Amino acid sequence: MGVSSEIVNLYDTVYALLVMDERLRDSDKRLSARVWSTQLGGVALTKKISAYEFLCMYVDEKTSLYSQESIGRARRKVQEEYPHLRGSKWSERKEEEDRVKSVVSTTK
């Protein structure tokens, strides 16, 4: 699978998961766990591997597990394009961001 098709596949996966489960919209950890579980063939198959096996798969360049950074990046892109998929904490973070920006700009 080429890099561009992997990116599209991850984007589509993240979009579908955010539509299906609102809890994933505010948590990259939960979202990553769901993406990896999907990649590993579902919950039943994921339960059959040890944490050590998962970590070996995660760091092995030959496996196709997405990095947590890529999953978070895909989530941000999906939520930028589909604001209704933003989590409930988004407005709180945005308000805090604006407050910090104003403090930083006044201290320059």
PDB file of N, CA and C in Angstrom:
ATOM      1  N   MET A   1       0.854  -1.188   0.000  1.00  0.00           N
ATOM      2  CA  MET A   1       0.000   0.000   0.000  1.00  0.00           C
ATOM      3  C   MET A   1       0.887   1.235   0.000  1.00  0.00           C
ATOM      4  N   GLY A   2       0.598   2.174  -0.867  1.00  0.00           N
ATOM      5  CA  GLY A   2       1.389   3.392  -0.958  1.00  0.00           C
ATOM      6  C   GLY A   2       1.086   4.345   0.180  1.00  0.00           C
ATOM      7  N   VAL A   3       1.989   5.303   0.374  1.00  0.00           N
ATOM      8  CA  VAL A   3       1.843   6.261   1.464  1.00  0.00           C
ATOM      9  C   VAL A   3       0.552   7.056   1.345  1.00  0.00           C
ATOM     10  N   SER A   4       0.233   7.534   0.147  1.00  0.00           N
ATOM     11  CA  SER A   4      -0.981   8.345  -0.007  1.00  0.00           C
ATOM     12  C   SER A   4      -2.240   7.527   0.270  1.00  0.00           C
ATOM     13  N   SER A   5      -2.274   6.266  -0.128  1.00  0.00           N
ATOM     14  CA  SER A   5      -3.456   5.454   0.149  1.00  0.00           C
ATOM     15  C   SER A   5      -3.548   5.110   1.634  1.00  0.00           C
ATOM     16  N   GLU A   6      -2.398   4.991   2.318  1.00  0.00           N
ATOM     17  CA  GLU A   6      -2.419   4.755   3.767  1.00  0.00           C
ATOM     18  C   GLU A   6      -2.994   5.961   4.493  1.00  0.00           C
ATOM     19  N   ILE A   7      -2.623   7.158   4.045  1.00  0.00           N
ATOM     20  CA  ILE A   7      -3.132   8.383   4.667  1.00  0.00           C
ATOM     21  C   ILE A   7      -4.639   8.480   4.476  1.00  0.00           C
ATOM     22  N   VAL A   8      -5.116   8.214   3.286  1.00  0.00           N
ATOM     23  CA  VAL A   8      -6.551   8.257   3.004  1.00  0.00           C
ATOM     24  C   VAL A   8      -7.278   7.201   3.839  1.00  0.00           C
ATOM     25  N   ASN A   9      -6.714   6.008   3.936  1.00  0.00           N
ATOM     26  CA  ASN A   9      -7.329   4.944   4.713  1.00  0.00           C
ATOM     27  C   ASN A   9      -7.419   5.337   6.190  1.00  0.00           C
ATOM     28  N   LEU A  10      -6.353   5.922   6.743  1.00  0.00           N
ATOM     29  CA  LEU A  10      -6.371   6.355   8.140  1.00  0.00           C
ATOM     30  C   LEU A  10      -7.405   7.459   8.337  1.00  0.00           C
ATOM     31  N   TYR A  11      -7.433   8.435   7.438  1.00  0.00           N
ATOM     32  CA  TYR A  11      -8.402   9.525   7.511  1.00  0.00           C
ATOM     33  C   TYR A  11      -9.829   8.962   7.523  1.00  0.00           C
ATOM     34  N   ASP A  12     -10.113   8.035   6.615  1.00  0.00           N
ATOM     35  CA  ASP A  12     -11.448   7.436   6.535  1.00  0.00           C
ATOM     36  C   ASP A  12     -11.781   6.645   7.792  1.00  0.00           C
ATOM     37  N   THR A  13     -10.805   5.923   8.324  1.00  0.00           N
ATOM     38  CA  THR A  13     -11.006   5.148   9.552  1.00  0.00           C
ATOM     39  C   THR A  13     -11.317   6.069  10.718  1.00  0.00           C
ATOM     40  N   VAL A  14     -10.523   7.125  10.859  1.00  0.00           N
ATOM     41  CA  VAL A  14     -10.720   8.082  11.959  1.00  0.00           C
ATOM     42  C   VAL A  14     -12.085   8.765  11.814  1.00  0.00           C
ATOM     43  N   TYR A  15     -12.435   9.170  10.607  1.00  0.00           N
ATOM     44  CA  TYR A  15     -13.739   9.798  10.374  1.00  0.00           C
ATOM     45  C   TYR A  15     -14.863   8.865  10.836  1.00  0.00           C
ATOM     46  N   ALA A  16     -14.816   7.617  10.399  1.00  0.00           N
ATOM     47  CA  ALA A  16     -15.872   6.657  10.750  1.00  0.00           C
ATOM     48  C   ALA A  16     -15.953   6.441  12.263  1.00  0.00           C
ATOM     49  N   LEU A  17     -14.808   6.341  12.921  1.00  0.00           N
ATOM     50  CA  LEU A  17     -14.815   6.125  14.371  1.00  0.00           C
ATOM     51  C   LEU A  17     -15.358   7.334  15.121  1.00  0.00           C
ATOM     52  N   LEU A  18     -15.019   8.537  14.669  1.00  0.00           N
ATOM     53  CA  LEU A  18     -15.529   9.745  15.325  1.00  0.00           C
ATOM     54  C   LEU A  18     -17.037   9.887  15.147  1.00  0.00           C
ATOM     55  N   VAL A  19     -17.545   9.448  14.004  1.00  0.00           N
ATOM     56  CA  VAL A  19     -18.991   9.473  13.775  1.00  0.00           C
ATOM     57  C   VAL A  19     -19.683   8.478  14.697  1.00  0.00           C
ATOM     58  N   MET A  20     -19.102   7.292  14.835  1.00  0.00           N
ATOM     59  CA  MET A  20     -19.736   6.210  15.601  1.00  0.00           C
ATOM     60  C   MET A  20     -19.658   6.387  17.116  1.00  0.00           C
ATOM     61  N   ASP A  21     -18.575   6.991  17.625  1.00  0.00           N
ATOM     62  CA  ASP A  21     -18.353   7.026  19.067  1.00  0.00           C
ATOM     63  C   ASP A  21     -17.870   8.401  19.511  1.00  0.00           C
ATOM     64  N   GLU A  22     -18.746   9.164  20.138  1.00  0.00           N
ATOM     65  CA  GLU A  22     -18.420  10.531  20.570  1.00  0.00           C
ATOM     66  C   GLU A  22     -17.290  10.572  21.585  1.00  0.00           C
ATOM     67  N   ARG A  23     -17.113   9.503  22.365  1.00  0.00           N
ATOM     68  CA  ARG A  23     -16.062   9.481  23.396  1.00  0.00           C
ATOM     69  C   ARG A  23     -14.664   9.603  22.789  1.00  0.00           C
ATOM     70  N   LEU A  24     -14.532   9.239  21.534  1.00  0.00           N
ATOM     71  CA  LEU A  24     -13.222   9.267  20.881  1.00  0.00           C
ATOM     72  C   LEU A  24     -12.826  10.668  20.425  1.00  0.00           C
ATOM     73  N   ARG A  25     -13.766  11.590  20.422  1.00  0.00           N
ATOM     74  CA  ARG A  25     -13.532  12.932  19.885  1.00  0.00           C
ATOM     75  C   ARG A  25     -12.618  13.773  20.770  1.00  0.00           C
ATOM     76  N   ASP A  26     -12.563  13.478  22.059  1.00  0.00           N
ATOM     77  CA  ASP A  26     -11.744  14.250  22.995  1.00  0.00           C
ATOM     78  C   ASP A  26     -10.516  13.495  23.480  1.00  0.00           C
ATOM     79  N   SER A  27     -10.295  12.287  23.007  1.00  0.00           N
ATOM     80  CA  SER A  27      -9.217  11.477  23.560  1.00  0.00           C
ATOM     81  C   SER A  27      -8.425  10.771  22.455  1.00  0.00           C
ATOM     82  N   ASP A  28      -7.218  11.263  22.215  1.00  0.00           N
ATOM     83  CA  ASP A  28      -6.355  10.596  21.229  1.00  0.00           C
ATOM     84  C   ASP A  28      -5.962   9.199  21.706  1.00  0.00           C
ATOM     85  N   LYS A  29      -5.863   9.009  23.024  1.00  0.00           N
ATOM     86  CA  LYS A  29      -5.522   7.674  23.539  1.00  0.00           C
ATOM     87  C   LYS A  29      -6.612   6.665  23.206  1.00  0.00           C
ATOM     88  N   ARG A  30      -7.858   7.031  23.476  1.00  0.00           N
ATOM     89  CA  ARG A  30      -8.981   6.126  23.160  1.00  0.00           C
ATOM     90  C   ARG A  30      -9.078   5.891  21.651  1.00  0.00           C
ATOM     91  N   LEU A  31      -8.931   6.969  20.896  1.00  0.00           N
ATOM     92  CA  LEU A  31      -9.015   6.861  19.442  1.00  0.00           C
ATOM     93  C   LEU A  31      -7.910   5.951  18.912  1.00  0.00           C
ATOM     94  N   SER A  32      -6.700   6.130  19.394  1.00  0.00           N
ATOM     95  CA  SER A  32      -5.578   5.296  18.948  1.00  0.00           C
ATOM     96  C   SER A  32      -5.838   3.830  19.276  1.00  0.00           C
ATOM     97  N   ALA A  33      -6.325   3.567  20.475  1.00  0.00           N
ATOM     98  CA  ALA A  33      -6.617   2.186  20.869  1.00  0.00           C
ATOM     99  C   ALA A  33      -7.648   1.556  19.937  1.00  0.00           C
ATOM    100  N   ARG A  34      -8.669   2.326  19.564  1.00  0.00           N
ATOM    101  CA  ARG A  34      -9.692   1.802  18.649  1.00  0.00           C
ATOM    102  C   ARG A  34      -9.141   1.573  17.255  1.00  0.00           C
ATOM    103  N   VAL A  35      -8.301   2.490  16.771  1.00  0.00           N
ATOM    104  CA  VAL A  35      -7.701   2.326  15.445  1.00  0.00           C
ATOM    105  C   VAL A  35      -6.837   1.069  15.440  1.00  0.00           C
ATOM    106  N   TRP A  36      -5.994   0.914  16.461  1.00  0.00           N
ATOM    107  CA  TRP A  36      -5.116  -0.258  16.525  1.00  0.00           C
ATOM    108  C   TRP A  36      -5.916  -1.544  16.641  1.00  0.00           C
ATOM    109  N   SER A  37      -6.969  -1.513  17.436  1.00  0.00           N
ATOM    110  CA  SER A  37      -7.817  -2.695  17.569  1.00  0.00           C
ATOM    111  C   SER A  37      -8.418  -3.069  16.222  1.00  0.00           C
ATOM    112  N   THR A  38      -8.850  -2.065  15.473  1.00  0.00           N
ATOM    113  CA  THR A  38      -9.384  -2.297  14.131  1.00  0.00           C
ATOM    114  C   THR A  38      -8.308  -2.883  13.223  1.00  0.00           C
ATOM    115  N   GLN A  39      -7.108  -2.304  13.277  1.00  0.00           N
ATOM    116  CA  GLN A  39      -6.014  -2.807  12.450  1.00  0.00           C
ATOM    117  C   GLN A  39      -5.636  -4.246  12.795  1.00  0.00           C
ATOM    118  N   LEU A  40      -5.780  -4.605  14.053  1.00  0.00           N
ATOM    119  CA  LEU A  40      -5.400  -5.954  14.503  1.00  0.00           C
ATOM    120  C   LEU A  40      -6.501  -6.976  14.282  1.00  0.00           C
ATOM    121  N   GLY A  41      -7.633  -6.558  13.736  1.00  0.00           N
ATOM    122  CA  GLY A  41      -8.685  -7.500  13.400  1.00  0.00           C
ATOM    123  C   GLY A  41      -9.860  -7.526  14.354  1.00  0.00           C
ATOM    124  N   GLY A  42      -9.961  -6.536  15.221  1.00  0.00           N
ATOM    125  CA  GLY A  42     -11.095  -6.455  16.132  1.00  0.00           C
ATOM    126  C   GLY A  42     -10.720  -6.784  17.565  1.00  0.00           C
ATOM    127  N   VAL A  43     -11.662  -6.572  18.454  1.00  0.00           N
ATOM    128  CA  VAL A  43     -11.416  -6.746  19.887  1.00  0.00           C
ATOM    129  C   VAL A  43     -11.032  -8.180  20.226  1.00  0.00           C
ATOM    130  N   ALA A  44     -11.742  -9.145  19.672  1.00  0.00           N
ATOM    131  CA  ALA A  44     -11.476 -10.547  20.004  1.00  0.00           C
ATOM    132  C   ALA A  44     -10.033 -10.937  19.673  1.00  0.00           C
ATOM    133  N   LEU A  45      -9.558 -10.527  18.511  1.00  0.00           N
ATOM    134  CA  LEU A  45      -8.176 -10.847  18.137  1.00  0.00           C
ATOM    135  C   LEU A  45      -7.169 -10.015  18.924  1.00  0.00           C
ATOM    136  N   THR A  46      -7.506  -8.776  19.217  1.00  0.00           N
ATOM    137  CA  THR A  46      -6.611  -7.909  19.976  1.00  0.00           C
ATOM    138  C   THR A  46      -6.384  -8.474  21.371  1.00  0.00           C
ATOM    139  N   LYS A  47      -7.422  -9.056  21.975  1.00  0.00           N
ATOM    140  CA  LYS A  47      -7.300  -9.634  23.313  1.00  0.00           C
ATOM    141  C   LYS A  47      -6.340 -10.819  23.351  1.00  0.00           C
ATOM    142  N   LYS A  48      -6.071 -11.415  22.214  1.00  0.00           N
ATOM    143  CA  LYS A  48      -5.228 -12.601  22.167  1.00  0.00           C
ATOM    144  C   LYS A  48      -3.730 -12.296  22.133  1.00  0.00           C
ATOM    145  N   ILE A  49      -3.372 -11.029  21.927  1.00  0.00           N
ATOM    146  CA  ILE A  49      -1.946 -10.708  21.899  1.00  0.00           C
ATOM    147  C   ILE A  49      -1.543 -10.038  23.209  1.00  0.00           C
ATOM    148  N   SER A  50      -0.299 -10.256  23.610  1.00  0.00           N
ATOM    149  CA  SER A  50       0.200  -9.653  24.853  1.00  0.00           C
ATOM    150  C   SER A  50       0.624  -8.209  24.580  1.00  0.00           C
ATOM    151  N   ALA A  51       0.806  -7.465  25.652  1.00  0.00           N
ATOM    152  CA  ALA A  51       1.284  -6.087  25.518  1.00  0.00           C
ATOM    153  C   ALA A  51       2.657  -6.088  24.854  1.00  0.00           C
ATOM    154  N   TYR A  52       3.490  -7.048  25.208  1.00  0.00           N
ATOM    155  CA  TYR A  52       4.822  -7.145  24.608  1.00  0.00           C
ATOM    156  C   TYR A  52       4.722  -7.382  23.103  1.00  0.00           C
ATOM    157  N   GLU A  53       3.838  -8.271  22.695  1.00  0.00           N
ATOM    158  CA  GLU A  53       3.648  -8.541  21.264  1.00  0.00           C
ATOM    159  C   GLU A  53       3.174  -7.282  20.538  1.00  0.00           C
ATOM    160  N   PHE A  54       2.254  -6.560  21.170  1.00  0.00           N
ATOM    161  CA  PHE A  54       1.767  -5.324  20.564  1.00  0.00           C
ATOM    162  C   PHE A  54       2.912  -4.323  20.387  1.00  0.00           C
ATOM    163  N   LEU A  55       3.704  -4.141  21.441  1.00  0.00           N
ATOM    164  CA  LEU A  55       4.809  -3.179  21.362  1.00  0.00           C
ATOM    165  C   LEU A  55       5.822  -3.571  20.290  1.00  0.00           C
ATOM    166  N   CYS A  56       6.089  -4.860  20.169  1.00  0.00           N
ATOM    167  CA  CYS A  56       6.994  -5.318  19.106  1.00  0.00           C
ATOM    168  C   CYS A  56       6.415  -4.995  17.733  1.00  0.00           C
ATOM    169  N   MET A  57       5.110  -5.207  17.585  1.00  0.00           N
ATOM    170  CA  MET A  57       4.455  -4.891  16.310  1.00  0.00           C
ATOM    171  C   MET A  57       4.491  -3.373  16.053  1.00  0.00           C
ATOM    172  N   TYR A  58       4.289  -2.590  17.099  1.00  0.00           N
ATOM    173  CA  TYR A  58       4.219  -1.138  16.973  1.00  0.00           C
ATOM    174  C   TYR A  58       5.540  -0.551  16.487  1.00  0.00           C
ATOM    175  N   VAL A  59       6.657  -1.073  16.995  1.00  0.00           N
ATOM    176  CA  VAL A  59       7.956  -0.502  16.627  1.00  0.00           C
ATOM    177  C   VAL A  59       8.561  -1.138  15.380  1.00  0.00           C
ATOM    178  N   ASP A  60       8.008  -2.254  14.929  1.00  0.00           N
ATOM    179  CA  ASP A  60       8.533  -2.935  13.752  1.00  0.00           C
ATOM    180  C   ASP A  60       8.148  -2.158  12.499  1.00  0.00           C
ATOM    181  N   GLU A  61       9.137  -1.739  11.741  1.00  0.00           N
ATOM    182  CA  GLU A  61       8.899  -0.958  10.523  1.00  0.00           C
ATOM    183  C   GLU A  61       8.113  -1.746   9.472  1.00  0.00           C
ATOM    184  N   LYS A  62       8.134  -3.074   9.562  1.00  0.00           N
ATOM    185  CA  LYS A  62       7.471  -3.904   8.552  1.00  0.00           C
ATOM    186  C   LYS A  62       5.970  -4.034   8.791  1.00  0.00           C
ATOM    187  N   THR A  63       5.520  -3.724  10.009  1.00  0.00           N
ATOM    188  CA  THR A  63       4.081  -3.796  10.274  1.00  0.00           C
ATOM    189  C   THR A  63       3.430  -2.486   9.869  1.00  0.00           C
ATOM    190  N   SER A  64       2.136  -2.513   9.719  1.00  0.00           N
ATOM    191  CA  SER A  64       1.439  -1.321   9.225  1.00  0.00           C
ATOM    192  C   SER A  64       0.620  -0.630  10.308  1.00  0.00           C
ATOM    193  N   LEU A  65       0.996  -0.811  11.594  1.00  0.00           N
ATOM    194  CA  LEU A  65       0.267  -0.103  12.642  1.00  0.00           C
ATOM    195  C   LEU A  65       0.574   1.388  12.544  1.00  0.00           C
ATOM    196  N   TYR A  66      -0.472   2.193  12.571  1.00  0.00           N
ATOM    197  CA  TYR A  66      -0.292   3.639  12.510  1.00  0.00           C
ATOM    198  C   TYR A  66       0.313   4.138  13.816  1.00  0.00           C
ATOM    199  N   SER A  67       1.113   5.183  13.730  1.00  0.00           N
ATOM    200  CA  SER A  67       1.670   5.794  14.937  1.00  0.00           C
ATOM    201  C   SER A  67       0.585   6.631  15.609  1.00  0.00           C
ATOM    202  N   GLN A  68       0.748   6.828  16.905  1.00  0.00           N
ATOM    203  CA  GLN A  68      -0.220   7.648  17.617  1.00  0.00           C
ATOM    204  C   GLN A  68      -0.191   9.074  17.088  1.00  0.00           C
ATOM    205  N   GLU A  69       0.974   9.538  16.669  1.00  0.00           N
ATOM    206  CA  GLU A  69       1.081  10.886  16.106  1.00  0.00           C
ATOM    207  C   GLU A  69       0.259  11.017  14.827  1.00  0.00           C
ATOM    208  N   SER A  70       0.325  10.008  13.965  1.00  0.00           N
ATOM    209  CA  SER A  70      -0.441  10.035  12.712  1.00  0.00           C
ATOM    210  C   SER A  70      -1.937   9.989  12.981  1.00  0.00           C
ATOM    211  N   ILE A  71      -2.333   9.211  13.970  1.00  0.00           N
ATOM    212  CA  ILE A  71      -3.752   9.118  14.321  1.00  0.00           C
ATOM    213  C   ILE A  71      -4.249  10.469  14.836  1.00  0.00           C
ATOM    214  N   GLY A  72      -3.473  11.107  15.710  1.00  0.00           N
ATOM    215  CA  GLY A  72      -3.844  12.426  16.224  1.00  0.00           C
ATOM    216  C   GLY A  72      -3.914  13.468  15.123  1.00  0.00           C
ATOM    217  N   ARG A  73      -2.968  13.398  14.193  1.00  0.00           N
ATOM    218  CA  ARG A  73      -2.954  14.325  13.061  1.00  0.00           C
ATOM    219  C   ARG A  73      -4.194  14.127  12.193  1.00  0.00           C
ATOM    220  N   ALA A  74      -4.555  12.877  11.959  1.00  0.00           N
ATOM    221  CA  ALA A  74      -5.758  12.582  11.160  1.00  0.00           C
ATOM    222  C   ALA A  74      -7.008  13.085  11.879  1.00  0.00           C
ATOM    223  N   ARG A  75      -7.057  12.911  13.216  1.00  0.00           N
ATOM    224  CA  ARG A  75      -8.208  13.395  13.978  1.00  0.00           C
ATOM    225  C   ARG A  75      -8.337  14.907  13.845  1.00  0.00           C
ATOM    226  N   ARG A  76      -7.232  15.610  13.989  1.00  0.00           N
ATOM    227  CA  ARG A  76      -7.279  17.074  13.868  1.00  0.00           C
ATOM    228  C   ARG A  76      -7.756  17.502  12.486  1.00  0.00           C
ATOM    229  N   LYS A  77      -7.297  16.822  11.454  1.00  0.00           N
ATOM    230  CA  LYS A  77      -7.711  17.160  10.086  1.00  0.00           C
ATOM    231  C   LYS A  77      -9.200  16.890   9.886  1.00  0.00           C
ATOM    232  N   VAL A  78      -9.671  15.740  10.358  1.00  0.00           N
ATOM    233  CA  VAL A  78     -11.099  15.410  10.239  1.00  0.00           C
ATOM    234  C   VAL A  78     -11.928  16.455  10.974  1.00  0.00           C
ATOM    235  N   GLN A  79     -11.529  16.804  12.198  1.00  0.00           N
ATOM    236  CA  GLN A  79     -12.311  17.758  12.988  1.00  0.00           C
ATOM    237  C   GLN A  79     -12.225  19.170  12.419  1.00  0.00           C
ATOM    238  N   GLU A  80     -11.147  19.489  11.725  1.00  0.00           N
ATOM    239  CA  GLU A  80     -11.055  20.787  11.054  1.00  0.00           C
ATOM    240  C   GLU A  80     -12.068  20.848   9.913  1.00  0.00           C
ATOM    241  N   GLU A  81     -12.185  19.756   9.171  1.00  0.00           N
ATOM    242  CA  GLU A  81     -13.085  19.718   8.018  1.00  0.00           C
ATOM    243  C   GLU A  81     -14.537  19.442   8.399  1.00  0.00           C
ATOM    244  N   TYR A  82     -14.749  18.812   9.533  1.00  0.00           N
ATOM    245  CA  TYR A  82     -16.107  18.471  10.005  1.00  0.00           C
ATOM    246  C   TYR A  82     -16.258  18.942  11.453  1.00  0.00           C
ATOM    247  N   PRO A  83     -16.519  20.237  11.657  1.00  0.00           N
ATOM    248  CA  PRO A  83     -16.588  20.795  13.012  1.00  0.00           C
ATOM    249  C   PRO A  83     -17.586  20.080  13.934  1.00  0.00           C
ATOM    250  N   HIS A  84     -18.629  19.477  13.365  1.00  0.00           N
ATOM    251  CA  HIS A  84     -19.606  18.788  14.210  1.00  0.00           C
ATOM    252  C   HIS A  84     -19.009  17.529  14.864  1.00  0.00           C
ATOM    253  N   LEU A  85     -17.816  17.123  14.428  1.00  0.00           N
ATOM    254  CA  LEU A  85     -17.148  15.957  15.017  1.00  0.00           C
ATOM    255  C   LEU A  85     -16.130  16.357  16.078  1.00  0.00           C
ATOM    256  N   ARG A  86     -16.099  17.642  16.419  1.00  0.00           N
ATOM    257  CA  ARG A  86     -15.216  18.087  17.498  1.00  0.00           C
ATOM    258  C   ARG A  86     -15.796  17.635  18.826  1.00  0.00           C
ATOM    259  N   GLY A  87     -14.915  17.386  19.766  1.00  0.00           N
ATOM    260  CA  GLY A  87     -15.354  16.919  21.076  1.00  0.00           C
ATOM    261  C   GLY A  87     -15.944  18.040  21.907  1.00  0.00           C
ATOM    262  N   SER A  88     -16.513  17.661  23.033  1.00  0.00           N
ATOM    263  CA  SER A  88     -17.146  18.641  23.917  1.00  0.00           C
ATOM    264  C   SER A  88     -16.114  19.562  24.568  1.00  0.00           C
ATOM    265  N   LYS A  89     -14.870  19.144  24.650  1.00  0.00           N
ATOM    266  CA  LYS A  89     -13.833  19.964  25.278  1.00  0.00           C
ATOM    267  C   LYS A  89     -13.184  20.943  24.300  1.00  0.00           C
ATOM    268  N   TRP A  90     -13.555  20.877  23.024  1.00  0.00           N
ATOM    269  CA  TRP A  90     -12.911  21.709  22.019  1.00  0.00           C
ATOM    270  C   TRP A  90     -13.080  23.189  22.329  1.00  0.00           C
ATOM    271  N   SER A  91     -14.302  23.624  22.661  1.00  0.00           N
ATOM    272  CA  SER A  91     -14.513  25.050  22.918  1.00  0.00           C
ATOM    273  C   SER A  91     -13.734  25.515  24.138  1.00  0.00           C
ATOM    274  N   GLU A  92     -13.635  24.655  25.155  1.00  0.00           N
ATOM    275  CA  GLU A  92     -12.849  25.018  26.337  1.00  0.00           C
ATOM    276  C   GLU A  92     -11.386  25.224  25.952  1.00  0.00           C
ATOM    277  N   ARG A  93     -10.838  24.313  25.152  1.00  0.00           N
ATOM    278  CA  ARG A  93      -9.439  24.437  24.730  1.00  0.00           C
ATOM    279  C   ARG A  93      -9.246  25.677  23.857  1.00  0.00           C
ATOM    280  N   LYS A  94     -10.205  25.973  22.999  1.00  0.00           N
ATOM    281  CA  LYS A  94     -10.117  27.139  22.113  1.00  0.00           C
ATOM    282  C   LYS A  94     -10.132  28.430  22.936  1.00  0.00           C
ATOM    283  N   GLU A  95     -11.005  28.502  23.936  1.00  0.00           N
ATOM    284  CA  GLU A  95     -11.058  29.683  24.796  1.00  0.00           C
ATOM    285  C   GLU A  95      -9.737  29.861  25.543  1.00  0.00           C
ATOM    286  N   GLU A  96      -9.184  28.757  26.041  1.00  0.00           N
ATOM    287  CA  GLU A  96      -7.904  28.813  26.756  1.00  0.00           C
ATOM    288  C   GLU A  96      -6.789  29.248  25.802  1.00  0.00           C
ATOM    289  N   GLU A  97      -6.828  28.750  24.584  1.00  0.00           N
ATOM    290  CA  GLU A  97      -5.837  29.129  23.570  1.00  0.00           C
ATOM    291  C   GLU A  97      -5.895  30.632  23.305  1.00  0.00           C
ATOM    292  N   ASP A  98      -7.099  31.161  23.152  1.00  0.00           N
ATOM    293  CA  ASP A  98      -7.260  32.595  22.904  1.00  0.00           C
ATOM    294  C   ASP A  98      -6.753  33.419  24.089  1.00  0.00           C
ATOM    295  N   ARG A  99      -7.028  32.951  25.302  1.00  0.00           N
ATOM    296  CA  ARG A  99      -6.574  33.653  26.506  1.00  0.00           C
ATOM    297  C   ARG A  99      -5.051  33.661  26.566  1.00  0.00           C
ATOM    298  N   VAL A 100      -4.428  32.534  26.294  1.00  0.00           N
ATOM    299  CA  VAL A 100      -2.964  32.452  26.319  1.00  0.00           C
ATOM    300  C   VAL A 100      -2.353  33.342  25.249  1.00  0.00           C
ATOM    301  N   LYS A 101      -2.951  33.352  24.057  1.00  0.00           N
ATOM    302  CA  LYS A 101      -2.444  34.201  22.969  1.00  0.00           C
ATOM    303  C   LYS A 101      -2.474  35.673  23.380  1.00  0.00           C
ATOM    304  N   SER A 102      -3.551  36.090  24.047  1.00  0.00           N
ATOM    305  CA  SER A 102      -3.649  37.493  24.431  1.00  0.00           C
ATOM    306  C   SER A 102      -2.619  37.829  25.515  1.00  0.00           C
ATOM    307  N   VAL A 103      -2.367  36.899  26.431  1.00  0.00           N
ATOM    308  CA  VAL A 103      -1.361  37.120  27.471  1.00  0.00           C
ATOM    309  C   VAL A 103       0.033  37.214  26.844  1.00  0.00           C
ATOM    310  N   VAL A 104       0.329  36.315  25.920  1.00  0.00           N
ATOM    311  CA  VAL A 104       1.633  36.301  25.261  1.00  0.00           C
ATOM    312  C   VAL A 104       1.825  37.569  24.441  1.00  0.00           C
ATOM    313  N   SER A 105       0.796  38.005  23.736  1.00  0.00           N
ATOM    314  CA  SER A 105       0.946  39.200  22.902  1.00  0.00           C
ATOM    315  C   SER A 105       1.114  40.461  23.726  1.00  0.00           C
ATOM    316  N   THR A 106       0.580  40.507  24.943  1.00  0.00           N
ATOM    317  CA  THR A 106       0.740  41.691  25.787  1.00  0.00           C
ATOM    318  C   THR A 106       2.091  41.706  26.479  1.00  0.00           C
ATOM    319  N   THR A 107       2.770  40.562  26.572  1.00  0.00           N
ATOM    320  CA  THR A 107       4.075  40.526  27.232  1.00  0.00           C
ATOM    321  C   THR A 107       5.218  40.772  26.277  1.00  0.00           C
ATOM    322  N   LYS A 108       4.955  40.911  24.986  1.00  0.00           N
ATOM    323  CA  LYS A 108       6.034  41.153  24.006  1.00  0.00           C
ATOM    324  C   LYS A 108       6.471  42.582  24.017  1.00  0.00           C
TER     325      LYS A 108
END
